[in-house]
């Protein structure tokens, strides 16, 4: 049996990257952006999936809103942490 792991990923990765891009200024260096994303992801539970469309289809509107809220909080906390560590 051959198992293909290439399509498996954490659903939160895309959500966090989008939230980080929206939250940081254009002048933020790429190292800080990566640090912010890593810190935020480490504060969210893993949600491994094969296809994003499956996750969007099966989530209720309430679950989707709750996930977005958790991502927003994790990213804001990560920004504060990375900025504090860099000072």
N, C-alpha and C. Protein backbone atom coordinates (compact mmCIF):
# COMPACT_ATOMS: atom_id res chain seq x y z
N UNK A 1 0.84 -1.17 0.00
CA UNK A 1 0.00 0.00 0.00
C UNK A 1 0.89 1.24 0.00
N UNK A 2 0.57 2.18 -0.86
CA UNK A 2 1.30 3.44 -0.95
C UNK A 2 0.45 4.54 -0.33
N UNK A 3 1.05 5.31 0.56
CA UNK A 3 0.34 6.40 1.22
C UNK A 3 0.93 7.72 0.75
N UNK A 4 0.08 8.62 0.30
CA UNK A 4 0.50 9.93 -0.17
C UNK A 4 0.22 10.96 0.92
N UNK A 5 1.28 11.50 1.51
CA UNK A 5 1.12 12.49 2.58
C UNK A 5 1.20 13.93 2.08
N UNK A 6 1.50 14.12 0.82
CA UNK A 6 1.69 15.46 0.29
C UNK A 6 0.48 16.36 0.38
N UNK A 7 -0.70 15.78 0.37
CA UNK A 7 -1.91 16.60 0.40
C UNK A 7 -2.39 16.88 1.83
N UNK A 8 -1.77 16.28 2.82
CA UNK A 8 -2.20 16.47 4.21
C UNK A 8 -1.56 17.75 4.76
N UNK A 9 -2.38 18.59 5.35
CA UNK A 9 -1.85 19.83 5.94
C UNK A 9 -2.77 20.30 7.07
N UNK A 10 -2.25 21.21 7.86
CA UNK A 10 -2.99 21.80 8.96
C UNK A 10 -3.86 22.93 8.40
N UNK A 11 -5.16 22.81 8.54
CA UNK A 11 -6.09 23.81 8.02
C UNK A 11 -5.77 25.21 8.53
N UNK A 12 -5.30 25.31 9.75
CA UNK A 12 -5.01 26.62 10.33
C UNK A 12 -3.86 27.35 9.64
N UNK A 13 -2.97 26.64 8.94
CA UNK A 13 -1.82 27.30 8.32
C UNK A 13 -2.25 28.41 7.36
N UNK A 14 -3.16 28.10 6.47
CA UNK A 14 -3.64 29.11 5.52
C UNK A 14 -4.38 30.23 6.21
N UNK A 15 -5.19 29.88 7.20
CA UNK A 15 -5.95 30.89 7.93
C UNK A 15 -5.02 31.84 8.68
N UNK A 16 -3.99 31.29 9.31
CA UNK A 16 -3.04 32.11 10.05
C UNK A 16 -2.23 32.99 9.10
N UNK A 17 -1.76 32.44 8.00
CA UNK A 17 -0.97 33.26 7.07
C UNK A 17 -1.79 34.42 6.53
N UNK A 18 -3.04 34.19 6.21
CA UNK A 18 -3.91 35.27 5.75
C UNK A 18 -4.10 36.32 6.84
N UNK A 19 -4.33 35.88 8.06
CA UNK A 19 -4.53 36.81 9.17
C UNK A 19 -3.26 37.60 9.47
N UNK A 20 -2.10 36.96 9.37
CA UNK A 20 -0.83 37.66 9.60
C UNK A 20 -0.63 38.72 8.52
N UNK A 21 -0.86 38.36 7.26
CA UNK A 21 -0.71 39.33 6.16
C UNK A 21 -1.62 40.54 6.38
N UNK A 22 -2.84 40.30 6.86
CA UNK A 22 -3.78 41.39 7.11
C UNK A 22 -3.38 42.24 8.30
N UNK A 23 -2.69 41.65 9.27
CA UNK A 23 -2.41 42.33 10.54
C UNK A 23 -1.09 43.10 10.56
N UNK A 24 -0.10 42.68 9.78
CA UNK A 24 1.20 43.34 9.85
C UNK A 24 1.33 44.39 8.75
N UNK A 25 2.22 45.33 8.98
CA UNK A 25 2.45 46.36 7.98
C UNK A 25 3.34 45.82 6.87
N UNK A 26 3.30 46.50 5.73
CA UNK A 26 4.11 46.07 4.59
C UNK A 26 5.60 46.11 4.90
N UNK A 27 6.00 46.90 5.87
CA UNK A 27 7.41 47.02 6.21
C UNK A 27 7.93 45.95 7.16
N UNK A 28 7.06 45.06 7.59
CA UNK A 28 7.49 44.01 8.52
C UNK A 28 8.38 43.02 7.79
N UNK A 29 9.55 42.73 8.36
CA UNK A 29 10.49 41.83 7.68
C UNK A 29 9.97 40.40 7.67
N UNK A 30 10.43 39.62 6.69
CA UNK A 30 9.92 38.26 6.49
C UNK A 30 10.23 37.34 7.67
N UNK A 31 11.34 37.57 8.35
CA UNK A 31 11.67 36.75 9.53
C UNK A 31 10.64 36.95 10.63
N UNK A 32 10.25 38.19 10.86
CA UNK A 32 9.24 38.48 11.89
C UNK A 32 7.89 37.90 11.50
N UNK A 33 7.54 38.00 10.22
CA UNK A 33 6.27 37.44 9.75
C UNK A 33 6.25 35.93 9.99
N UNK A 34 7.34 35.25 9.67
CA UNK A 34 7.43 33.80 9.89
C UNK A 34 7.35 33.48 11.38
N UNK A 35 8.04 34.27 12.22
CA UNK A 35 7.99 34.05 13.67
C UNK A 35 6.56 34.22 14.20
N UNK A 36 5.88 35.26 13.73
CA UNK A 36 4.50 35.51 14.16
C UNK A 36 3.61 34.32 13.78
N UNK A 37 3.76 33.85 12.55
CA UNK A 37 2.94 32.71 12.10
C UNK A 37 3.22 31.47 12.94
N UNK A 38 4.48 31.20 13.23
CA UNK A 38 4.83 30.02 14.03
C UNK A 38 4.27 30.12 15.44
N UNK A 39 4.42 31.27 16.07
CA UNK A 39 3.91 31.44 17.43
C UNK A 39 2.39 31.27 17.44
N UNK A 40 1.72 31.89 16.48
CA UNK A 40 0.25 31.77 16.41
C UNK A 40 -0.17 30.32 16.21
N UNK A 41 0.47 29.62 15.27
CA UNK A 41 0.11 28.23 15.00
C UNK A 41 0.35 27.34 16.22
N UNK A 42 1.38 27.64 16.99
CA UNK A 42 1.65 26.84 18.18
C UNK A 42 0.63 27.05 19.29
N UNK A 43 -0.22 28.08 19.14
CA UNK A 43 -1.27 28.33 20.13
C UNK A 43 -2.64 27.91 19.64
N UNK A 44 -2.68 27.22 18.52
CA UNK A 44 -3.94 26.71 17.97
C UNK A 44 -3.87 25.19 17.90
N UNK A 45 -5.00 24.54 18.04
CA UNK A 45 -4.98 23.07 17.92
C UNK A 45 -4.78 22.67 16.46
N UNK A 46 -4.07 21.60 16.20
CA UNK A 46 -3.91 21.16 14.81
C UNK A 46 -5.23 20.64 14.25
N UNK A 47 -5.50 20.96 13.01
CA UNK A 47 -6.69 20.45 12.31
C UNK A 47 -6.22 19.94 10.96
N UNK A 48 -5.74 18.71 10.93
CA UNK A 48 -5.18 18.16 9.71
C UNK A 48 -6.28 17.70 8.77
N UNK A 49 -6.13 18.10 7.52
CA UNK A 49 -7.10 17.77 6.48
C UNK A 49 -6.35 17.48 5.18
N UNK A 50 -7.08 16.97 4.22
CA UNK A 50 -6.50 16.77 2.89
C UNK A 50 -6.93 17.87 1.93
N UNK A 51 -8.16 18.35 2.06
CA UNK A 51 -8.69 19.34 1.12
C UNK A 51 -9.41 20.44 1.90
N UNK A 52 -9.03 21.69 1.65
CA UNK A 52 -9.65 22.82 2.35
C UNK A 52 -11.16 22.85 2.12
N UNK A 53 -11.58 22.52 0.92
CA UNK A 53 -13.01 22.58 0.61
C UNK A 53 -13.81 21.65 1.52
N UNK A 54 -13.24 20.52 1.91
CA UNK A 54 -13.93 19.61 2.82
C UNK A 54 -14.17 20.28 4.17
N UNK A 55 -13.19 20.98 4.67
CA UNK A 55 -13.32 21.64 5.96
C UNK A 55 -14.39 22.73 5.88
N UNK A 56 -14.34 23.54 4.84
CA UNK A 56 -15.33 24.61 4.70
C UNK A 56 -16.74 24.05 4.57
N UNK A 57 -16.88 22.92 3.89
CA UNK A 57 -18.19 22.32 3.66
C UNK A 57 -18.78 21.77 4.96
N UNK A 58 -17.96 21.15 5.78
CA UNK A 58 -18.46 20.47 6.98
C UNK A 58 -18.56 21.36 8.21
N UNK A 59 -17.96 22.54 8.18
CA UNK A 59 -18.05 23.43 9.34
C UNK A 59 -19.39 24.16 9.35
N UNK A 60 -19.98 24.26 10.52
CA UNK A 60 -21.18 25.09 10.65
C UNK A 60 -20.73 26.56 10.65
N UNK A 61 -21.63 27.48 10.37
CA UNK A 61 -21.26 28.90 10.43
C UNK A 61 -20.70 29.29 11.80
N UNK A 62 -21.24 28.70 12.85
CA UNK A 62 -20.77 29.00 14.20
C UNK A 62 -19.34 28.50 14.41
N UNK A 63 -19.06 27.27 13.94
CA UNK A 63 -17.71 26.72 14.06
C UNK A 63 -16.71 27.54 13.26
N UNK A 64 -17.11 27.95 12.07
CA UNK A 64 -16.23 28.77 11.23
C UNK A 64 -15.93 30.10 11.90
N UNK A 65 -16.94 30.74 12.45
CA UNK A 65 -16.75 32.01 13.14
C UNK A 65 -15.84 31.84 14.36
N UNK A 66 -16.02 30.75 15.10
CA UNK A 66 -15.18 30.49 16.28
C UNK A 66 -13.73 30.26 15.88
N UNK A 67 -13.50 29.53 14.79
CA UNK A 67 -12.13 29.30 14.32
C UNK A 67 -11.48 30.62 13.91
N UNK A 68 -12.22 31.47 13.21
CA UNK A 68 -11.68 32.78 12.80
C UNK A 68 -11.34 33.62 14.02
N UNK A 69 -12.20 33.57 15.04
CA UNK A 69 -11.95 34.32 16.27
C UNK A 69 -10.68 33.83 16.94
N UNK A 70 -10.51 32.51 17.02
CA UNK A 70 -9.31 31.94 17.63
C UNK A 70 -8.05 32.31 16.85
N UNK A 71 -8.15 32.30 15.53
CA UNK A 71 -7.00 32.69 14.70
C UNK A 71 -6.66 34.15 14.96
N UNK A 72 -7.65 35.01 14.99
CA UNK A 72 -7.41 36.44 15.23
C UNK A 72 -6.71 36.66 16.57
N UNK A 73 -7.20 36.02 17.61
CA UNK A 73 -6.60 36.15 18.94
C UNK A 73 -5.17 35.61 18.93
N UNK A 74 -4.96 34.45 18.33
CA UNK A 74 -3.61 33.85 18.29
C UNK A 74 -2.63 34.75 17.55
N UNK A 75 -3.07 35.35 16.44
CA UNK A 75 -2.18 36.22 15.66
C UNK A 75 -1.89 37.51 16.44
N UNK A 76 -2.88 38.11 17.04
CA UNK A 76 -2.65 39.33 17.82
C UNK A 76 -1.70 39.06 18.99
N UNK A 77 -1.90 37.95 19.69
CA UNK A 77 -1.00 37.58 20.78
C UNK A 77 0.42 37.33 20.27
N UNK A 78 0.53 36.67 19.11
CA UNK A 78 1.84 36.37 18.53
C UNK A 78 2.56 37.65 18.12
N UNK A 79 1.84 38.60 17.57
CA UNK A 79 2.46 39.88 17.20
C UNK A 79 3.02 40.56 18.44
N UNK A 80 2.23 40.61 19.51
CA UNK A 80 2.71 41.24 20.75
C UNK A 80 3.95 40.51 21.28
N UNK A 81 3.95 39.19 21.23
CA UNK A 81 5.07 38.40 21.72
C UNK A 81 6.32 38.65 20.88
N UNK A 82 6.21 38.60 19.57
CA UNK A 82 7.37 38.78 18.69
C UNK A 82 7.91 40.20 18.81
N UNK A 83 7.03 41.18 18.89
CA UNK A 83 7.48 42.57 19.05
C UNK A 83 8.20 42.73 20.39
N UNK A 84 7.65 42.15 21.45
CA UNK A 84 8.28 42.26 22.78
C UNK A 84 9.64 41.57 22.80
N UNK A 85 9.77 40.43 22.15
CA UNK A 85 11.04 39.71 22.11
C UNK A 85 12.08 40.45 21.27
N UNK A 86 11.61 41.18 20.27
CA UNK A 86 12.53 41.90 19.40
C UNK A 86 12.99 43.23 19.96
N UNK A 87 12.32 43.69 21.01
CA UNK A 87 12.67 45.00 21.60
C UNK A 87 13.90 44.92 22.45
